[in-house]
Amino acid sequence: MYDLYKPLRNELREHSLFRSLRVIWAWMQQLQFGVEFPGDIEVPQAVRCALRSPTRGVYEWDLALLAKELIVWAPEIGRVDMSSWSAFSTILNKLKDLDNGISVFYEKPFREHIFIEMYRIAHHQFRWQRTLRMDS
C-alpha cells in the first residue's frame, strides 16, 4: 500500500496548504451551487462544459478526501498550488490512481465479496449524492 500512496503524498508536500484549500473550496462551490470560479483558478473550457455532465470527472467525494490529505501533508507555504489546471488535474489523477490501486490490490477479496467493494465506494459517494437541504 505504501508504494501506492507515496506518489500522492509526495506531490501534496509541494503544495501550499491554504492556497490549495481555496481551490478545493472554489470547486465545491461550483459543483454544489454553480458559483463561477474566481479568475485566478484555471479551468479549461472543455472541463467547464463537462461539469454539467453526470460523468464530469471531478466529484465532491474526491475533493473532500483531497482536502483531508492536504491538511495532513501540505506545508503552509509550498512551491506550488492547485490554481493551474495542470497542478489540479495531476493531484486529482494521483488520488484516483490510489483509489484504483487499492481496488486492484484487493481484487480477489472484492471479487469474492462484492459488497465489501460496494461498501467502500458507498462511503466515498453516497453522502454527496443527496440533495442539499436549507433549513430556515
N, C-alpha and C. Protein backbone atom coordinates (compact mmCIF):
# COMPACT_ATOMS: atom_id res chain seq x y z
N MET A 1 0.81 -1.20 0.00
CA MET A 1 0.00 0.00 0.00
C MET A 1 0.85 1.26 0.00
N TYR A 2 1.96 1.24 0.70
CA TYR A 2 2.80 2.43 0.80
C TYR A 2 3.23 2.91 -0.58
N ASP A 3 3.60 1.99 -1.45
CA ASP A 3 4.03 2.36 -2.80
C ASP A 3 2.90 3.00 -3.61
N LEU A 4 1.67 2.62 -3.32
CA LEU A 4 0.53 3.23 -3.99
C LEU A 4 0.28 4.65 -3.48
N TYR A 5 0.48 4.85 -2.20
CA TYR A 5 0.16 6.11 -1.54
C TYR A 5 1.26 7.16 -1.71
N LYS A 6 2.50 6.72 -1.83
CA LYS A 6 3.66 7.60 -1.83
C LYS A 6 3.62 8.69 -2.92
N PRO A 7 3.25 8.41 -4.17
CA PRO A 7 3.22 9.48 -5.17
C PRO A 7 2.27 10.62 -4.81
N LEU A 8 1.10 10.29 -4.28
CA LEU A 8 0.16 11.32 -3.86
C LEU A 8 0.74 12.13 -2.71
N ARG A 9 1.24 11.47 -1.72
CA ARG A 9 1.81 12.14 -0.56
C ARG A 9 2.94 13.07 -0.96
N ASN A 10 3.85 12.60 -1.79
CA ASN A 10 4.98 13.42 -2.22
C ASN A 10 4.53 14.64 -3.01
N GLU A 11 3.53 14.47 -3.84
CA GLU A 11 3.01 15.61 -4.61
C GLU A 11 2.38 16.64 -3.69
N LEU A 12 1.63 16.20 -2.70
CA LEU A 12 0.96 17.12 -1.78
C LEU A 12 1.96 17.91 -0.94
N ARG A 13 3.12 17.36 -0.69
CA ARG A 13 4.14 18.05 0.10
C ARG A 13 4.70 19.28 -0.61
N GLU A 14 4.42 19.42 -1.89
CA GLU A 14 4.89 20.57 -2.67
C GLU A 14 3.89 21.71 -2.70
N HIS A 15 2.66 21.46 -2.29
CA HIS A 15 1.56 22.42 -2.46
C HIS A 15 1.34 23.29 -1.22
N SER A 16 1.07 24.56 -1.46
CA SER A 16 0.72 25.47 -0.37
C SER A 16 -0.65 25.10 0.17
N LEU A 17 -0.73 24.90 1.46
CA LEU A 17 -1.96 24.42 2.08
C LEU A 17 -3.14 25.35 1.84
N PHE A 18 -3.07 26.59 2.28
CA PHE A 18 -4.24 27.46 2.24
C PHE A 18 -4.63 27.86 0.83
N ARG A 19 -3.65 28.10 -0.02
CA ARG A 19 -3.98 28.43 -1.41
C ARG A 19 -4.63 27.24 -2.12
N SER A 20 -4.18 26.03 -1.81
CA SER A 20 -4.77 24.83 -2.42
C SER A 20 -6.16 24.54 -1.86
N LEU A 21 -6.34 24.75 -0.56
CA LEU A 21 -7.68 24.57 0.02
C LEU A 21 -8.67 25.56 -0.57
N ARG A 22 -8.20 26.75 -0.89
CA ARG A 22 -9.07 27.74 -1.54
C ARG A 22 -9.55 27.24 -2.90
N VAL A 23 -8.68 26.55 -3.63
CA VAL A 23 -9.05 25.99 -4.93
C VAL A 23 -10.09 24.90 -4.75
N ILE A 24 -9.90 24.04 -3.76
CA ILE A 24 -10.88 22.99 -3.49
C ILE A 24 -12.22 23.60 -3.11
N TRP A 25 -12.18 24.65 -2.29
CA TRP A 25 -13.41 25.34 -1.90
C TRP A 25 -14.13 25.88 -3.15
N ALA A 26 -13.39 26.47 -4.07
CA ALA A 26 -13.99 27.02 -5.29
C ALA A 26 -14.63 25.91 -6.13
N TRP A 27 -13.96 24.76 -6.22
CA TRP A 27 -14.54 23.63 -6.95
C TRP A 27 -15.82 23.14 -6.27
N MET A 28 -15.81 23.06 -4.95
CA MET A 28 -17.02 22.63 -4.23
C MET A 28 -18.17 23.60 -4.48
N GLN A 29 -17.86 24.90 -4.44
CA GLN A 29 -18.90 25.91 -4.69
C GLN A 29 -19.47 25.76 -6.09
N GLN A 30 -18.62 25.48 -7.07
CA GLN A 30 -19.07 25.30 -8.44
C GLN A 30 -19.92 24.05 -8.57
N LEU A 31 -19.46 22.93 -8.01
CA LEU A 31 -20.19 21.67 -8.16
C LEU A 31 -21.52 21.67 -7.41
N GLN A 32 -21.55 22.28 -6.25
CA GLN A 32 -22.78 22.22 -5.44
C GLN A 32 -23.76 23.35 -5.73
N PHE A 33 -23.24 24.53 -6.05
CA PHE A 33 -24.12 25.70 -6.17
C PHE A 33 -24.01 26.43 -7.49
N GLY A 34 -23.11 25.98 -8.39
CA GLY A 34 -22.96 26.62 -9.68
C GLY A 34 -22.25 27.97 -9.62
N VAL A 35 -21.53 28.25 -8.55
CA VAL A 35 -20.80 29.51 -8.40
C VAL A 35 -19.61 29.50 -9.36
N GLU A 36 -19.43 30.59 -10.07
CA GLU A 36 -18.31 30.70 -11.01
C GLU A 36 -16.97 30.64 -10.28
N PHE A 37 -15.98 30.11 -10.95
CA PHE A 37 -14.63 30.05 -10.40
C PHE A 37 -14.04 31.46 -10.34
N PRO A 38 -13.25 31.75 -9.31
CA PRO A 38 -12.50 33.02 -9.30
C PRO A 38 -11.58 33.07 -10.52
N GLY A 39 -11.26 34.26 -10.95
CA GLY A 39 -10.47 34.45 -12.17
C GLY A 39 -9.07 33.86 -12.13
N ASP A 40 -8.53 33.66 -10.93
CA ASP A 40 -7.16 33.14 -10.85
C ASP A 40 -7.09 31.62 -10.83
N ILE A 41 -8.22 30.95 -10.93
CA ILE A 41 -8.24 29.49 -10.98
C ILE A 41 -8.50 29.07 -12.42
N GLU A 42 -7.54 28.36 -12.97
CA GLU A 42 -7.58 27.96 -14.37
C GLU A 42 -8.42 26.70 -14.54
N VAL A 43 -9.48 26.81 -15.34
CA VAL A 43 -10.33 25.67 -15.67
C VAL A 43 -10.60 25.73 -17.18
N PRO A 44 -10.06 24.79 -17.95
CA PRO A 44 -10.28 24.82 -19.40
C PRO A 44 -11.76 24.78 -19.76
N GLN A 45 -12.10 25.38 -20.88
CA GLN A 45 -13.49 25.46 -21.33
C GLN A 45 -14.11 24.07 -21.48
N ALA A 46 -13.35 23.12 -21.98
CA ALA A 46 -13.88 21.75 -22.15
C ALA A 46 -14.27 21.16 -20.79
N VAL A 47 -13.50 21.45 -19.77
CA VAL A 47 -13.81 20.96 -18.42
C VAL A 47 -15.05 21.66 -17.89
N ARG A 48 -15.16 22.96 -18.12
CA ARG A 48 -16.35 23.71 -17.68
C ARG A 48 -17.62 23.11 -18.29
N CYS A 49 -17.55 22.76 -19.56
CA CYS A 49 -18.70 22.15 -20.22
C CYS A 49 -19.00 20.77 -19.64
N ALA A 50 -17.96 20.00 -19.35
CA ALA A 50 -18.14 18.65 -18.82
C ALA A 50 -18.74 18.66 -17.42
N LEU A 51 -18.59 19.76 -16.69
CA LEU A 51 -19.12 19.81 -15.32
C LEU A 51 -20.64 19.68 -15.27
N ARG A 52 -21.29 19.91 -16.39
CA ARG A 52 -22.75 19.78 -16.45
C ARG A 52 -23.19 18.33 -16.68
N SER A 53 -22.22 17.45 -16.93
CA SER A 53 -22.49 16.05 -17.24
C SER A 53 -22.42 15.19 -15.98
N PRO A 54 -23.21 14.11 -15.90
CA PRO A 54 -23.10 13.21 -14.74
C PRO A 54 -21.73 12.53 -14.64
N THR A 55 -21.02 12.43 -15.75
CA THR A 55 -19.68 11.82 -15.76
C THR A 55 -18.63 12.91 -15.86
N ARG A 56 -18.72 13.89 -15.02
CA ARG A 56 -17.91 15.10 -15.12
C ARG A 56 -16.45 14.92 -14.76
N GLY A 57 -16.09 13.86 -14.04
CA GLY A 57 -14.69 13.60 -13.74
C GLY A 57 -14.18 14.22 -12.45
N VAL A 58 -14.80 15.27 -11.96
CA VAL A 58 -14.44 15.90 -10.69
C VAL A 58 -15.65 15.76 -9.77
N TYR A 59 -15.44 15.10 -8.64
CA TYR A 59 -16.57 14.81 -7.76
C TYR A 59 -16.30 15.29 -6.34
N GLU A 60 -17.35 15.60 -5.64
CA GLU A 60 -17.24 16.12 -4.28
C GLU A 60 -16.48 15.18 -3.36
N TRP A 61 -16.69 13.87 -3.51
CA TRP A 61 -16.02 12.92 -2.61
C TRP A 61 -14.52 12.91 -2.83
N ASP A 62 -14.09 13.12 -4.06
CA ASP A 62 -12.64 13.23 -4.31
C ASP A 62 -12.09 14.51 -3.69
N LEU A 63 -12.82 15.60 -3.82
CA LEU A 63 -12.36 16.87 -3.25
C LEU A 63 -12.30 16.83 -1.74
N ALA A 64 -13.27 16.18 -1.11
CA ALA A 64 -13.25 16.06 0.36
C ALA A 64 -12.04 15.26 0.82
N LEU A 65 -11.76 14.17 0.15
CA LEU A 65 -10.59 13.37 0.50
C LEU A 65 -9.30 14.13 0.24
N LEU A 66 -9.27 14.85 -0.86
CA LEU A 66 -8.10 15.65 -1.20
C LEU A 66 -7.85 16.72 -0.15
N ALA A 67 -8.89 17.36 0.34
CA ALA A 67 -8.74 18.37 1.39
C ALA A 67 -8.14 17.75 2.65
N LYS A 68 -8.60 16.59 3.02
CA LYS A 68 -8.05 15.91 4.21
C LYS A 68 -6.57 15.60 4.03
N GLU A 69 -6.22 15.08 2.86
CA GLU A 69 -4.83 14.74 2.60
C GLU A 69 -3.95 15.99 2.57
N LEU A 70 -4.46 17.07 2.03
CA LEU A 70 -3.70 18.34 2.04
C LEU A 70 -3.40 18.78 3.47
N ILE A 71 -4.39 18.70 4.32
CA ILE A 71 -4.22 19.13 5.71
C ILE A 71 -3.12 18.30 6.39
N VAL A 72 -3.05 17.04 6.05
CA VAL A 72 -2.03 16.17 6.66
C VAL A 72 -0.64 16.46 6.10
N TRP A 73 -0.51 16.66 4.77
CA TRP A 73 0.82 16.66 4.15
C TRP A 73 1.32 18.00 3.64
N ALA A 74 0.45 18.92 3.30
CA ALA A 74 0.92 20.15 2.65
C ALA A 74 1.47 21.15 3.68
N PRO A 75 2.57 21.81 3.33
CA PRO A 75 3.08 22.87 4.20
C PRO A 75 2.25 24.14 4.02
N GLU A 76 2.31 25.04 4.98
CA GLU A 76 1.57 26.30 4.84
C GLU A 76 2.00 27.05 3.59
N ILE A 77 3.29 27.09 3.36
CA ILE A 77 3.81 27.76 2.17
C ILE A 77 4.58 26.72 1.36
N GLY A 78 4.05 26.42 0.20
CA GLY A 78 4.67 25.42 -0.66
C GLY A 78 5.16 26.03 -1.95
N ARG A 79 5.76 25.21 -2.75
CA ARG A 79 6.32 25.63 -4.03
C ARG A 79 5.23 25.93 -5.05
N VAL A 80 4.12 25.21 -5.01
CA VAL A 80 3.02 25.35 -5.98
C VAL A 80 1.68 25.31 -5.26
N ASP A 81 0.64 25.60 -6.02
CA ASP A 81 -0.72 25.39 -5.51
C ASP A 81 -1.55 24.80 -6.64
N MET A 82 -2.82 24.59 -6.41
CA MET A 82 -3.67 23.91 -7.38
C MET A 82 -4.46 24.86 -8.26
N SER A 83 -4.05 26.12 -8.35
CA SER A 83 -4.83 27.06 -9.15
C SER A 83 -4.66 26.85 -10.65
N SER A 84 -3.60 26.18 -11.08
CA SER A 84 -3.47 25.85 -12.50
C SER A 84 -4.15 24.51 -12.76
N TRP A 85 -4.71 24.36 -13.94
CA TRP A 85 -5.38 23.11 -14.29
C TRP A 85 -4.40 21.95 -14.26
N SER A 86 -3.19 22.19 -14.71
CA SER A 86 -2.17 21.14 -14.73
C SER A 86 -1.90 20.59 -13.33
N ALA A 87 -1.70 21.48 -12.37
CA ALA A 87 -1.42 21.05 -10.99
C ALA A 87 -2.63 20.35 -10.37
N PHE A 88 -3.82 20.92 -10.57
CA PHE A 88 -5.04 20.34 -10.01
C PHE A 88 -5.32 18.96 -10.59
N SER A 89 -5.25 18.84 -11.91
CA SER A 89 -5.55 17.56 -12.55
C SER A 89 -4.51 16.50 -12.21
N THR A 90 -3.25 16.91 -12.05
CA THR A 90 -2.20 15.96 -11.65
C THR A 90 -2.51 15.36 -10.29
N ILE A 91 -2.86 16.21 -9.34
CA ILE A 91 -3.19 15.74 -7.98
C ILE A 91 -4.43 14.85 -8.02
N LEU A 92 -5.45 15.29 -8.73
CA LEU A 92 -6.69 14.50 -8.80
C LEU A 92 -6.44 13.14 -9.43
N ASN A 93 -5.60 13.09 -10.46
CA ASN A 93 -5.27 11.81 -11.10
C ASN A 93 -4.49 10.90 -10.15
N LYS A 94 -3.60 11.46 -9.36
CA LYS A 94 -2.86 10.64 -8.38
C LYS A 94 -3.80 10.08 -7.32
N LEU A 95 -4.78 10.87 -6.93
CA LEU A 95 -5.78 10.39 -5.97
C LEU A 95 -6.60 9.25 -6.57
N LYS A 96 -7.00 9.40 -7.81
CA LYS A 96 -7.77 8.34 -8.48
C LYS A 96 -6.92 7.10 -8.73
N ASP A 97 -5.63 7.31 -9.03
CA ASP A 97 -4.72 6.17 -9.19
C ASP A 97 -4.61 5.39 -7.89
N LEU A 98 -4.55 6.09 -6.77
CA LEU A 98 -4.51 5.42 -5.47
C LEU A 98 -5.78 4.61 -5.25
N ASP A 99 -6.92 5.21 -5.50
CA ASP A 99 -8.19 4.52 -5.31
C ASP A 99 -8.28 3.28 -6.21
N ASN A 100 -7.89 3.43 -7.45
CA ASN A 100 -7.90 2.28 -8.37
C ASN A 100 -6.88 1.23 -7.95
N GLY A 101 -5.73 1.68 -7.46
CA GLY A 101 -4.71 0.74 -7.00
C GLY A 101 -5.17 -0.08 -5.81
N ILE A 102 -5.94 0.54 -4.93
CA ILE A 102 -6.50 -0.19 -3.78
C ILE A 102 -7.44 -1.28 -4.29
N SER A 103 -8.25 -0.95 -5.27
CA SER A 103 -9.17 -1.96 -5.84
C SER A 103 -8.41 -3.12 -6.47
N VAL A 104 -7.32 -2.82 -7.16
CA VAL A 104 -6.52 -3.88 -7.78
C VAL A 104 -5.81 -4.71 -6.71
N PHE A 105 -5.27 -4.02 -5.70
CA PHE A 105 -4.55 -4.71 -4.63
C PHE A 105 -5.44 -5.72 -3.92
N TYR A 106 -6.71 -5.35 -3.74
CA TYR A 106 -7.66 -6.24 -3.06
C TYR A 106 -8.65 -6.87 -4.04
N GLU A 107 -8.21 -7.08 -5.27
CA GLU A 107 -9.11 -7.57 -6.31
C GLU A 107 -9.80 -8.88 -5.93
N LYS A 108 -9.04 -9.83 -5.43
CA LYS A 108 -9.63 -11.14 -5.11
C LYS A 108 -10.69 -11.02 -4.01
N PRO A 109 -10.40 -10.39 -2.86
CA PRO A 109 -11.47 -10.27 -1.86
C PRO A 109 -12.67 -9.47 -2.36
N PHE A 110 -12.40 -8.40 -3.14
CA PHE A 110 -13.51 -7.59 -3.65
C PHE A 110 -14.36 -8.38 -4.64
N ARG A 111 -13.70 -9.22 -5.46
CA ARG A 111 -14.45 -10.01 -6.44
C ARG A 111 -15.28 -11.08 -5.73
N GLU A 112 -14.70 -11.70 -4.71
CA GLU A 112 -15.41 -12.76 -3.99
C GLU A 112 -16.49 -12.20 -3.07
N HIS A 113 -16.30 -10.99 -2.59
CA HIS A 113 -17.25 -10.36 -1.68
C HIS A 113 -17.55 -8.96 -2.19
N ILE A 114 -18.34 -8.90 -3.24
CA ILE A 114 -18.60 -7.64 -3.93
C ILE A 114 -19.15 -6.57 -2.99
N PHE A 115 -19.82 -6.98 -1.94
CA PHE A 115 -20.39 -6.00 -1.02
C PHE A 115 -19.31 -5.22 -0.26
N ILE A 116 -18.13 -5.79 -0.11
CA ILE A 116 -17.03 -5.05 0.51
C ILE A 116 -16.66 -3.87 -0.38
N GLU A 117 -16.54 -4.11 -1.68
CA GLU A 117 -16.21 -3.03 -2.62
C GLU A 117 -17.35 -2.01 -2.69
N MET A 118 -18.58 -2.48 -2.70
CA MET A 118 -19.71 -1.56 -2.74
C MET A 118 -19.76 -0.71 -1.47
N TYR A 119 -19.45 -1.31 -0.35
CA TYR A 119 -19.42 -0.59 0.92
C TYR A 119 -18.34 0.50 0.88
N ARG A 120 -17.17 0.18 0.33
CA ARG A 120 -16.08 1.14 0.21
C ARG A 120 -16.48 2.31 -0.69
N ILE A 121 -17.06 2.01 -1.83
CA ILE A 121 -17.49 3.06 -2.76
C ILE A 121 -18.61 3.90 -2.14
N ALA A 122 -19.52 3.25 -1.47
CA ALA A 122 -20.64 3.97 -0.86
C ALA A 122 -20.16 5.00 0.14
N HIS A 123 -19.16 4.67 0.92
CA HIS A 123 -18.66 5.61 1.90
C HIS A 123 -17.98 6.82 1.26
N HIS A 124 -17.53 6.68 0.03
CA HIS A 124 -16.99 7.83 -0.70
C HIS A 124 -18.13 8.70 -1.22
N GLN A 125 -19.15 8.08 -1.78
CA GLN A 125 -20.06 8.80 -2.65
C GLN A 125 -21.43 9.14 -2.07
N PHE A 126 -22.05 8.26 -1.35
CA PHE A 126 -23.46 8.42 -1.04
C PHE A 126 -23.81 9.71 -0.32
N ARG A 127 -22.97 10.15 0.61
CA ARG A 127 -23.33 11.37 1.34
C ARG A 127 -23.33 12.59 0.42
N TRP A 128 -22.64 12.51 -0.71
CA TRP A 128 -22.60 13.64 -1.64
C TRP A 128 -23.69 13.55 -2.69
N GLN A 129 -24.41 12.45 -2.77
CA GLN A 129 -25.40 12.28 -3.82
C GLN A 129 -26.80 12.64 -3.37
N ARG A 130 -26.95 13.11 -2.18
CA ARG A 130 -28.27 13.57 -1.76
C ARG A 130 -28.36 15.07 -2.00
N THR A 131 -29.57 15.56 -2.13
CA THR A 131 -29.74 17.00 -2.37
C THR A 131 -29.49 17.77 -1.10
N LEU A 132 -29.00 18.97 -1.28
CA LEU A 132 -28.76 19.84 -0.14
C LEU A 132 -30.07 20.39 0.37
N ARG A 133 -30.18 20.47 1.67
CA ARG A 133 -31.42 20.97 2.27
C ARG A 133 -31.07 22.22 3.06
N MET A 134 -31.75 23.28 2.79
CA MET A 134 -31.53 24.51 3.52
C MET A 134 -32.66 24.67 4.54
N ASP A 135 -32.31 24.57 5.80
CA ASP A 135 -33.30 24.76 6.86
C ASP A 135 -33.47 26.24 7.13
N SER A 136 -34.68 26.63 7.42
CA SER A 136 -34.91 28.05 7.72
C SER A 136 -34.91 28.32 9.19
